[in-house]
Amino acid sequence: MNNFQILESSILIICSLLIGWLISEVKKLKTKQALPIQTNQKESNSLKLQALERLTLFTERCTLANLIERNLVQGMLASELHQLLVATIKSEYEYNITQQIYVSADIWSSITRMKDQNIYIINHIIASLPQNATGFDLSKLIIEYTSTPNAEMNSILLDALQFEAKKILN
């Protein structure tokens, strides 16, 4: 074999080894890229589930009966209870507002409608009371209202949140 043939054979061997190495590296790179996608999907689902948990808690905390139970103090005027109930709903909503980026637009819209509906109900009921009404008077009317069928959308919203969570878990 002459020097040219040896050089040519060496170049072919080196090229073959280089191509083999490149193919191996490309396979490794594809595998490494696939893992973050799977990891990102798991992390994304985890964040979505956490958001659904927080919004479930928000929904439960903002049922009118739970609001009254947590906020009614003996001797309170209806106007004081009214202000406290509305402020509590708004505060709870603002605390959870960032969760909207993890849930569907329909779910977030339902959360907002529930908040607005509960504030509307409280405002509507207090408007029917005399100026000197007590917090107990207001709470009694609110509880009576909530005992009517379909008075609050909280249960429907809870069903929707559970449905979304089941979709992620399956």
N, C-alpha and C. Protein backbone atom coordinates (compact mmCIF):
# COMPACT_ATOMS: atom_id res chain seq x y z
N MET A 1 0.85 -1.18 0.00
CA MET A 1 0.00 0.00 0.00
C MET A 1 0.89 1.24 0.00
N ASN A 2 0.52 2.17 -0.84
CA ASN A 2 1.30 3.39 -0.88
C ASN A 2 0.74 4.40 0.13
N ASN A 3 1.48 5.48 0.28
CA ASN A 3 1.09 6.51 1.27
C ASN A 3 -0.27 7.12 0.99
N PHE A 4 -0.57 7.25 -0.28
CA PHE A 4 -1.87 7.84 -0.65
C PHE A 4 -3.02 6.92 -0.22
N GLN A 5 -2.88 5.63 -0.45
CA GLN A 5 -3.91 4.67 -0.07
C GLN A 5 -4.06 4.61 1.46
N ILE A 6 -2.96 4.69 2.16
CA ILE A 6 -3.00 4.67 3.63
C ILE A 6 -3.71 5.92 4.14
N LEU A 7 -3.39 7.05 3.55
CA LEU A 7 -4.03 8.31 3.93
C LEU A 7 -5.52 8.26 3.62
N GLU A 8 -5.84 7.72 2.45
CA GLU A 8 -7.24 7.61 2.05
C GLU A 8 -7.99 6.67 3.00
N SER A 9 -7.43 5.57 3.36
CA SER A 9 -8.05 4.61 4.29
C SER A 9 -8.21 5.24 5.67
N SER A 10 -7.19 5.95 6.10
CA SER A 10 -7.25 6.62 7.42
C SER A 10 -8.36 7.66 7.45
N ILE A 11 -8.47 8.42 6.37
CA ILE A 11 -9.52 9.44 6.30
C ILE A 11 -10.89 8.78 6.33
N LEU A 12 -11.07 7.69 5.61
CA LEU A 12 -12.35 6.97 5.61
C LEU A 12 -12.68 6.43 7.01
N ILE A 13 -11.69 5.88 7.69
CA ILE A 13 -11.91 5.36 9.04
C ILE A 13 -12.27 6.50 10.00
N ILE A 14 -11.52 7.59 9.89
CA ILE A 14 -11.79 8.75 10.75
C ILE A 14 -13.18 9.31 10.47
N CYS A 15 -13.55 9.41 9.20
CA CYS A 15 -14.89 9.92 8.83
C CYS A 15 -15.97 8.98 9.34
N SER A 16 -15.74 7.69 9.22
CA SER A 16 -16.72 6.71 9.72
C SER A 16 -16.89 6.84 11.22
N LEU A 17 -15.76 6.95 11.92
CA LEU A 17 -15.81 7.12 13.38
C LEU A 17 -16.51 8.44 13.75
N LEU A 18 -16.20 9.48 13.03
CA LEU A 18 -16.81 10.79 13.29
C LEU A 18 -18.32 10.75 13.05
N ILE A 19 -18.74 10.12 11.96
CA ILE A 19 -20.18 10.00 11.66
C ILE A 19 -20.86 9.16 12.73
N GLY A 20 -20.24 8.07 13.13
CA GLY A 20 -20.79 7.24 14.21
C GLY A 20 -20.93 8.03 15.50
N TRP A 21 -19.87 8.79 15.83
CA TRP A 21 -19.91 9.61 17.04
C TRP A 21 -21.02 10.67 16.96
N LEU A 22 -21.16 11.34 15.79
CA LEU A 22 -22.19 12.36 15.60
C LEU A 22 -23.59 11.76 15.74
N ILE A 23 -23.80 10.58 15.16
CA ILE A 23 -25.10 9.93 15.27
C ILE A 23 -25.40 9.61 16.73
N SER A 24 -24.40 9.12 17.44
CA SER A 24 -24.56 8.82 18.86
C SER A 24 -24.91 10.07 19.66
N GLU A 25 -24.23 11.17 19.38
CA GLU A 25 -24.49 12.43 20.09
C GLU A 25 -25.88 12.98 19.78
N VAL A 26 -26.30 12.86 18.53
CA VAL A 26 -27.64 13.32 18.15
C VAL A 26 -28.70 12.51 18.90
N LYS A 27 -28.50 11.20 19.01
CA LYS A 27 -29.45 10.36 19.75
C LYS A 27 -29.50 10.76 21.21
N LYS A 28 -28.31 11.01 21.79
CA LYS A 28 -28.26 11.46 23.19
C LYS A 28 -28.99 12.78 23.36
N LEU A 29 -28.77 13.70 22.45
CA LEU A 29 -29.41 15.01 22.51
C LEU A 29 -30.93 14.89 22.42
N LYS A 30 -31.40 14.05 21.51
CA LYS A 30 -32.85 13.85 21.38
C LYS A 30 -33.42 13.28 22.66
N THR A 31 -32.73 12.34 23.28
CA THR A 31 -33.18 11.75 24.54
C THR A 31 -33.22 12.81 25.64
N LYS A 32 -32.18 13.63 25.71
CA LYS A 32 -32.13 14.69 26.72
C LYS A 32 -33.24 15.70 26.51
N GLN A 33 -33.58 15.99 25.26
CA GLN A 33 -34.66 16.94 24.98
C GLN A 33 -36.00 16.35 25.32
N ALA A 34 -36.18 15.06 25.15
CA ALA A 34 -37.46 14.42 25.44
C ALA A 34 -37.73 14.42 26.94
N LEU A 35 -36.71 14.23 27.76
CA LEU A 35 -36.90 14.19 29.20
C LEU A 35 -37.45 15.51 29.76
N PRO A 36 -36.88 16.68 29.38
CA PRO A 36 -37.46 17.92 29.89
C PRO A 36 -38.91 18.12 29.47
N ILE A 37 -39.27 17.66 28.28
CA ILE A 37 -40.66 17.81 27.85
C ILE A 37 -41.57 17.01 28.77
N GLN A 38 -41.16 15.76 29.08
CA GLN A 38 -41.95 14.95 30.00
C GLN A 38 -41.96 15.57 31.39
N THR A 39 -40.81 16.05 31.85
CA THR A 39 -40.71 16.69 33.15
C THR A 39 -41.55 17.96 33.18
N ASN A 40 -41.46 18.75 32.11
CA ASN A 40 -42.24 19.98 32.05
C ASN A 40 -43.73 19.69 32.08
N GLN A 41 -44.15 18.62 31.40
CA GLN A 41 -45.57 18.25 31.40
C GLN A 41 -46.01 17.86 32.81
N LYS A 42 -45.16 17.10 33.52
CA LYS A 42 -45.49 16.71 34.90
C LYS A 42 -45.56 17.94 35.80
N GLU A 43 -44.59 18.84 35.65
CA GLU A 43 -44.58 20.07 36.45
C GLU A 43 -45.79 20.93 36.13
N SER A 44 -46.13 21.02 34.86
CA SER A 44 -47.28 21.81 34.44
C SER A 44 -48.57 21.24 35.03
N ASN A 45 -48.71 19.92 34.96
CA ASN A 45 -49.89 19.28 35.54
C ASN A 45 -49.95 19.48 37.05
N SER A 46 -48.79 19.43 37.69
CA SER A 46 -48.73 19.66 39.13
C SER A 46 -49.19 21.08 39.47
N LEU A 47 -48.73 22.06 38.70
CA LEU A 47 -49.14 23.45 38.93
C LEU A 47 -50.65 23.63 38.68
N LYS A 48 -51.16 22.97 37.65
CA LYS A 48 -52.59 23.07 37.35
C LYS A 48 -53.41 22.46 38.48
N LEU A 49 -52.96 21.30 38.99
CA LEU A 49 -53.68 20.66 40.10
C LEU A 49 -53.64 21.53 41.35
N GLN A 50 -52.50 22.14 41.62
CA GLN A 50 -52.39 23.03 42.78
C GLN A 50 -53.34 24.22 42.63
N ALA A 51 -53.43 24.75 41.43
CA ALA A 51 -54.34 25.88 41.18
C ALA A 51 -55.79 25.44 41.38
N LEU A 52 -56.13 24.26 40.90
CA LEU A 52 -57.49 23.75 41.09
C LEU A 52 -57.79 23.52 42.57
N GLU A 53 -56.80 23.07 43.31
CA GLU A 53 -56.98 22.91 44.77
C GLU A 53 -57.24 24.26 45.42
N ARG A 54 -56.45 25.26 45.07
CA ARG A 54 -56.62 26.59 45.67
C ARG A 54 -57.98 27.18 45.30
N LEU A 55 -58.39 26.97 44.06
CA LEU A 55 -59.68 27.52 43.63
C LEU A 55 -60.84 26.75 44.27
N THR A 56 -60.64 25.48 44.56
CA THR A 56 -61.65 24.72 45.30
C THR A 56 -61.78 25.29 46.71
N LEU A 57 -60.64 25.56 47.33
CA LEU A 57 -60.66 26.16 48.66
C LEU A 57 -61.33 27.53 48.62
N PHE A 58 -60.99 28.33 47.63
CA PHE A 58 -61.63 29.64 47.47
C PHE A 58 -63.15 29.50 47.35
N THR A 59 -63.57 28.56 46.53
CA THR A 59 -65.01 28.34 46.31
C THR A 59 -65.70 27.96 47.61
N GLU A 60 -65.09 27.08 48.37
CA GLU A 60 -65.67 26.67 49.65
C GLU A 60 -65.69 27.83 50.65
N ARG A 61 -64.60 28.57 50.71
CA ARG A 61 -64.52 29.68 51.67
C ARG A 61 -65.49 30.80 51.33
N CYS A 62 -65.87 30.90 50.06
CA CYS A 62 -66.76 31.99 49.65
C CYS A 62 -68.22 31.59 49.53
N THR A 63 -68.57 30.39 50.00
CA THR A 63 -70.01 30.11 50.08
C THR A 63 -70.56 31.07 51.13
N LEU A 64 -71.76 31.52 50.92
CA LEU A 64 -72.32 32.54 51.81
C LEU A 64 -72.40 32.06 53.25
N ALA A 65 -72.78 30.80 53.45
CA ALA A 65 -72.87 30.27 54.82
C ALA A 65 -71.50 30.26 55.49
N ASN A 66 -70.47 29.85 54.76
CA ASN A 66 -69.11 29.84 55.35
C ASN A 66 -68.62 31.25 55.64
N LEU A 67 -68.95 32.18 54.78
CA LEU A 67 -68.56 33.58 55.02
C LEU A 67 -69.19 34.10 56.31
N ILE A 68 -70.46 33.82 56.47
CA ILE A 68 -71.15 34.30 57.68
C ILE A 68 -70.57 33.63 58.92
N GLU A 69 -70.35 32.33 58.84
CA GLU A 69 -69.80 31.61 59.98
C GLU A 69 -68.45 32.18 60.42
N ARG A 70 -67.63 32.57 59.48
CA ARG A 70 -66.30 33.09 59.80
C ARG A 70 -66.31 34.56 60.21
N ASN A 71 -67.32 35.32 59.80
CA ASN A 71 -67.25 36.78 59.99
C ASN A 71 -68.27 37.38 60.95
N LEU A 72 -69.34 36.69 61.24
CA LEU A 72 -70.38 37.28 62.10
C LEU A 72 -69.90 37.32 63.55
N VAL A 73 -69.97 38.51 64.12
CA VAL A 73 -69.62 38.73 65.52
C VAL A 73 -70.86 39.27 66.21
N GLN A 74 -71.13 38.77 67.42
CA GLN A 74 -72.32 39.22 68.15
C GLN A 74 -72.24 40.73 68.37
N GLY A 75 -73.38 41.39 68.17
CA GLY A 75 -73.48 42.83 68.36
C GLY A 75 -73.10 43.64 67.12
N MET A 76 -72.76 42.97 66.06
CA MET A 76 -72.37 43.64 64.83
C MET A 76 -73.60 44.18 64.11
N LEU A 77 -73.49 45.35 63.52
CA LEU A 77 -74.57 45.90 62.71
C LEU A 77 -74.57 45.22 61.34
N ALA A 78 -75.71 45.23 60.69
CA ALA A 78 -75.82 44.64 59.36
C ALA A 78 -74.86 45.33 58.39
N SER A 79 -74.75 46.65 58.51
CA SER A 79 -73.85 47.38 57.60
C SER A 79 -72.39 46.96 57.80
N GLU A 80 -72.01 46.68 59.03
CA GLU A 80 -70.65 46.23 59.32
C GLU A 80 -70.41 44.83 58.74
N LEU A 81 -71.39 43.95 58.95
CA LEU A 81 -71.26 42.60 58.42
C LEU A 81 -71.23 42.63 56.89
N HIS A 82 -72.07 43.47 56.32
CA HIS A 82 -72.10 43.62 54.86
C HIS A 82 -70.72 44.01 54.33
N GLN A 83 -70.13 45.03 54.91
CA GLN A 83 -68.81 45.49 54.48
C GLN A 83 -67.76 44.38 54.65
N LEU A 84 -67.83 43.68 55.75
CA LEU A 84 -66.86 42.62 56.03
C LEU A 84 -67.01 41.45 55.06
N LEU A 85 -68.25 41.07 54.77
CA LEU A 85 -68.47 39.97 53.83
C LEU A 85 -67.95 40.31 52.43
N VAL A 86 -68.28 41.48 51.96
CA VAL A 86 -67.83 41.91 50.62
C VAL A 86 -66.31 42.02 50.59
N ALA A 87 -65.73 42.61 51.62
CA ALA A 87 -64.27 42.75 51.68
C ALA A 87 -63.59 41.39 51.73
N THR A 88 -64.17 40.45 52.44
CA THR A 88 -63.59 39.11 52.53
C THR A 88 -63.61 38.42 51.18
N ILE A 89 -64.73 38.50 50.48
CA ILE A 89 -64.83 37.89 49.15
C ILE A 89 -63.79 38.49 48.21
N LYS A 90 -63.71 39.83 48.20
CA LYS A 90 -62.75 40.49 47.32
C LYS A 90 -61.31 40.14 47.69
N SER A 91 -61.03 40.06 48.97
CA SER A 91 -59.68 39.72 49.42
C SER A 91 -59.31 38.29 49.03
N GLU A 92 -60.23 37.37 49.23
CA GLU A 92 -59.99 35.97 48.85
C GLU A 92 -59.76 35.87 47.34
N TYR A 93 -60.55 36.59 46.58
CA TYR A 93 -60.42 36.58 45.12
C TYR A 93 -59.05 37.12 44.70
N GLU A 94 -58.68 38.26 45.25
CA GLU A 94 -57.40 38.88 44.91
C GLU A 94 -56.23 37.97 45.31
N TYR A 95 -56.37 37.27 46.41
CA TYR A 95 -55.32 36.36 46.87
C TYR A 95 -55.11 35.23 45.87
N ASN A 96 -56.18 34.84 45.19
CA ASN A 96 -56.12 33.70 44.26
C ASN A 96 -56.07 34.11 42.80
N ILE A 97 -55.95 35.37 42.51
CA ILE A 97 -56.06 35.86 41.13
C ILE A 97 -54.98 35.28 40.21
N THR A 98 -53.81 34.97 40.75
CA THR A 98 -52.75 34.43 39.90
C THR A 98 -53.05 33.02 39.42
N GLN A 99 -53.98 32.34 40.05
CA GLN A 99 -54.30 30.96 39.66
C GLN A 99 -54.93 30.90 38.27
N GLN A 100 -55.40 32.04 37.77
CA GLN A 100 -56.06 32.05 36.47
C GLN A 100 -55.14 31.61 35.33
N ILE A 101 -53.84 31.75 35.50
CA ILE A 101 -52.94 31.36 34.42
C ILE A 101 -52.81 29.85 34.29
N TYR A 102 -53.27 29.11 35.27
CA TYR A 102 -53.15 27.65 35.26
C TYR A 102 -54.45 26.93 34.90
N VAL A 103 -55.54 27.66 34.80
CA VAL A 103 -56.83 27.02 34.53
C VAL A 103 -57.43 27.58 33.24
N SER A 104 -58.44 26.90 32.75
CA SER A 104 -59.08 27.33 31.50
C SER A 104 -59.80 28.66 31.70
N ALA A 105 -60.03 29.33 30.61
CA ALA A 105 -60.75 30.62 30.65
C ALA A 105 -62.16 30.43 31.19
N ASP A 106 -62.78 29.30 30.86
CA ASP A 106 -64.14 29.02 31.36
C ASP A 106 -64.16 28.87 32.88
N ILE A 107 -63.17 28.16 33.41
CA ILE A 107 -63.11 27.99 34.87
C ILE A 107 -62.89 29.34 35.54
N TRP A 108 -61.95 30.12 35.02
CA TRP A 108 -61.68 31.42 35.65
C TRP A 108 -62.90 32.34 35.54
N SER A 109 -63.56 32.32 34.43
CA SER A 109 -64.76 33.12 34.25
C SER A 109 -65.83 32.71 35.26
N SER A 110 -65.95 31.42 35.51
CA SER A 110 -66.92 30.93 36.50
C SER A 110 -66.54 31.38 37.91
N ILE A 111 -65.25 31.37 38.21
CA ILE A 111 -64.78 31.86 39.52
C ILE A 111 -65.18 33.32 39.70
N THR A 112 -64.94 34.12 38.68
CA THR A 112 -65.27 35.54 38.73
C THR A 112 -66.78 35.76 38.86
N ARG A 113 -67.55 35.00 38.10
CA ARG A 113 -69.01 35.11 38.19
C ARG A 113 -69.52 34.74 39.58
N MET A 114 -68.93 33.69 40.18
CA MET A 114 -69.34 33.31 41.53
C MET A 114 -69.07 34.44 42.52
N LYS A 115 -67.89 35.02 42.42
CA LYS A 115 -67.53 36.15 43.30
C LYS A 115 -68.54 37.28 43.13
N ASP A 116 -68.79 37.65 41.87
CA ASP A 116 -69.73 38.75 41.58
C ASP A 116 -71.15 38.41 42.04
N GLN A 117 -71.56 37.17 41.83
CA GLN A 117 -72.90 36.75 42.24
C GLN A 117 -73.06 36.84 43.76
N ASN A 118 -72.07 36.37 44.49
CA ASN A 118 -72.19 36.41 45.96
C ASN A 118 -72.20 37.84 46.48
N ILE A 119 -71.42 38.70 45.88
CA ILE A 119 -71.45 40.12 46.28
C ILE A 119 -72.80 40.72 45.94
N TYR A 120 -73.33 40.39 44.78
CA TYR A 120 -74.65 40.89 44.37
C TYR A 120 -75.73 40.44 45.36
N ILE A 121 -75.70 39.18 45.74
CA ILE A 121 -76.70 38.64 46.68
C ILE A 121 -76.62 39.39 48.01
N ILE A 122 -75.42 39.56 48.53
CA ILE A 122 -75.24 40.28 49.80
C ILE A 122 -75.75 41.71 49.68
N ASN A 123 -75.39 42.39 48.59
CA ASN A 123 -75.85 43.77 48.38
C ASN A 123 -77.36 43.85 48.26
N HIS A 124 -77.93 42.90 47.55
CA HIS A 124 -79.38 42.87 47.34
C HIS A 124 -80.13 42.64 48.67
N ILE A 125 -79.62 41.73 49.47
CA ILE A 125 -80.30 41.42 50.74
C ILE A 125 -80.17 42.57 51.72
N ILE A 126 -79.02 43.19 51.82
CA ILE A 126 -78.88 44.30 52.78
C ILE A 126 -79.76 45.48 52.38
N ALA A 127 -79.98 45.63 51.08
CA ALA A 127 -80.82 46.74 50.62
C ALA A 127 -82.26 46.58 51.10
N SER A 128 -82.67 45.36 51.43
CA SER A 128 -84.04 45.12 51.89
C SER A 128 -84.19 45.32 53.40
N LEU A 129 -83.10 45.54 54.11
CA LEU A 129 -83.14 45.67 55.57
C LEU A 129 -83.21 47.14 55.99
N PRO A 130 -83.81 47.39 57.15
CA PRO A 130 -83.81 48.76 57.68
C PRO A 130 -82.39 49.17 58.10
N GLN A 131 -82.16 50.44 58.20
CA GLN A 131 -80.84 51.00 58.51
C GLN A 131 -80.27 50.47 59.83
N ASN A 132 -81.11 50.23 60.81
CA ASN A 132 -80.64 49.80 62.14
C ASN A 132 -80.61 48.28 62.31
N ALA A 133 -80.66 47.53 61.22
CA ALA A 133 -80.67 46.07 61.29
C ALA A 133 -79.34 45.55 61.86
N THR A 134 -79.42 44.41 62.49
CA THR A 134 -78.22 43.80 63.07
C THR A 134 -77.56 42.86 62.07
N GLY A 135 -76.35 42.49 62.40
CA GLY A 135 -75.63 41.51 61.58
C GLY A 135 -76.37 40.18 61.59
N PHE A 136 -77.00 39.88 62.73
CA PHE A 136 -77.78 38.64 62.82
C PHE A 136 -78.95 38.68 61.83
N ASP A 137 -79.61 39.85 61.72
CA ASP A 137 -80.72 39.98 60.76
C ASP A 137 -80.24 39.70 59.33
N LEU A 138 -79.12 40.28 58.97
CA LEU A 138 -78.56 40.09 57.63
C LEU A 138 -78.17 38.62 57.42
N SER A 139 -77.50 38.04 58.40
CA SER A 139 -77.06 36.65 58.26
C SER A 139 -78.25 35.70 58.14
N LYS A 140 -79.31 35.99 58.88
CA LYS A 140 -80.52 35.14 58.83
C LYS A 140 -81.13 35.15 57.42
N LEU A 141 -81.23 36.34 56.83
CA LEU A 141 -81.79 36.44 55.48
C LEU A 141 -80.89 35.78 54.43
N ILE A 142 -79.60 35.91 54.60
CA ILE A 142 -78.67 35.28 53.66
C ILE A 142 -78.78 33.76 53.76
N ILE A 143 -78.82 33.25 54.97
CA ILE A 143 -78.94 31.79 55.16
C ILE A 143 -80.27 31.29 54.60
N GLU A 144 -81.34 32.04 54.81
CA GLU A 144 -82.64 31.66 54.23
C GLU A 144 -82.56 31.63 52.71
N TYR A 145 -81.89 32.62 52.15
CA TYR A 145 -81.74 32.67 50.70
C TYR A 145 -80.96 31.46 50.19
N THR A 146 -79.88 31.11 50.88
CA THR A 146 -79.04 30.00 50.41
C THR A 146 -79.73 28.65 50.52
N SER A 147 -80.79 28.57 51.31
CA SER A 147 -81.50 27.30 51.43
C SER A 147 -82.45 27.05 50.26
N THR A 148 -82.65 28.06 49.42
CA THR A 148 -83.49 27.87 48.23
C THR A 148 -82.68 27.15 47.15
N PRO A 149 -83.36 26.34 46.32
CA PRO A 149 -82.63 25.60 45.28
C PRO A 149 -81.90 26.55 44.31
N ASN A 150 -80.70 26.15 43.93
CA ASN A 150 -79.89 26.88 42.96
C ASN A 150 -79.58 28.32 43.38
N ALA A 151 -79.54 28.56 44.66
CA ALA A 151 -79.28 29.92 45.14
C ALA A 151 -77.84 30.35 44.87
N GLU A 152 -76.93 29.42 45.02
CA GLU A 152 -75.52 29.73 44.81
C GLU A 152 -74.96 28.84 43.72
N MET A 153 -73.98 29.34 43.00
CA MET A 153 -73.37 28.53 41.95
C MET A 153 -72.14 27.78 42.44
N ASN A 154 -71.87 27.84 43.74
CA ASN A 154 -70.68 27.21 44.29
C ASN A 154 -70.62 25.71 44.00
N SER A 155 -71.73 25.01 44.17
CA SER A 155 -71.71 23.55 43.98
C SER A 155 -71.44 23.20 42.51
N ILE A 156 -71.99 23.99 41.60
CA ILE A 156 -71.73 23.75 40.17
C ILE A 156 -70.26 24.00 39.86
N LEU A 157 -69.72 25.05 40.43
CA LEU A 157 -68.31 25.37 40.23
C LEU A 157 -67.41 24.29 40.82
N LEU A 158 -67.76 23.78 41.98
CA LEU A 158 -66.97 22.70 42.58
C LEU A 158 -66.96 21.47 41.67
N ASP A 159 -68.11 21.15 41.08
CA ASP A 159 -68.18 20.03 40.14
C ASP A 159 -67.25 20.27 38.94
N ALA A 160 -67.24 21.48 38.43
CA ALA A 160 -66.39 21.81 37.28
C ALA A 160 -64.90 21.70 37.65
N LEU A 161 -64.55 22.15 38.84
CA LEU A 161 -63.16 22.06 39.29
C LEU A 161 -62.73 20.59 39.45
N GLN A 162 -63.61 19.78 40.00
CA GLN A 162 -63.31 18.34 40.14
C GLN A 162 -63.16 17.68 38.78
N PHE A 163 -64.00 18.05 37.84
CA PHE A 163 -63.93 17.50 36.49
C PHE A 163 -62.59 17.83 35.86
N GLU A 164 -62.15 19.09 35.99
CA GLU A 164 -60.86 19.50 35.43
C GLU A 164 -59.71 18.73 36.08
N ALA A 165 -59.78 18.53 37.39
CA ALA A 165 -58.73 17.78 38.08
C ALA A 165 -58.69 16.33 37.60
N LYS A 166 -59.84 15.72 37.42
CA LYS A 166 -59.89 14.33 36.94
C LYS A 166 -59.31 14.21 35.54
N LYS A 167 -59.53 15.22 34.70
CA LYS A 167 -58.95 15.19 33.34
C LYS A 167 -57.42 15.18 33.41
N ILE A 168 -56.86 15.93 34.32
CA ILE A 168 -55.41 15.99 34.46
C ILE A 168 -54.86 14.69 35.04
N LEU A 169 -55.58 14.12 35.98
CA LEU A 169 -55.12 12.90 36.63
C LEU A 169 -55.23 11.66 35.76
N ASN A 170 -56.12 11.69 34.78
CA ASN A 170 -56.30 10.51 33.91
C ASN A 170 -55.45 10.56 32.70
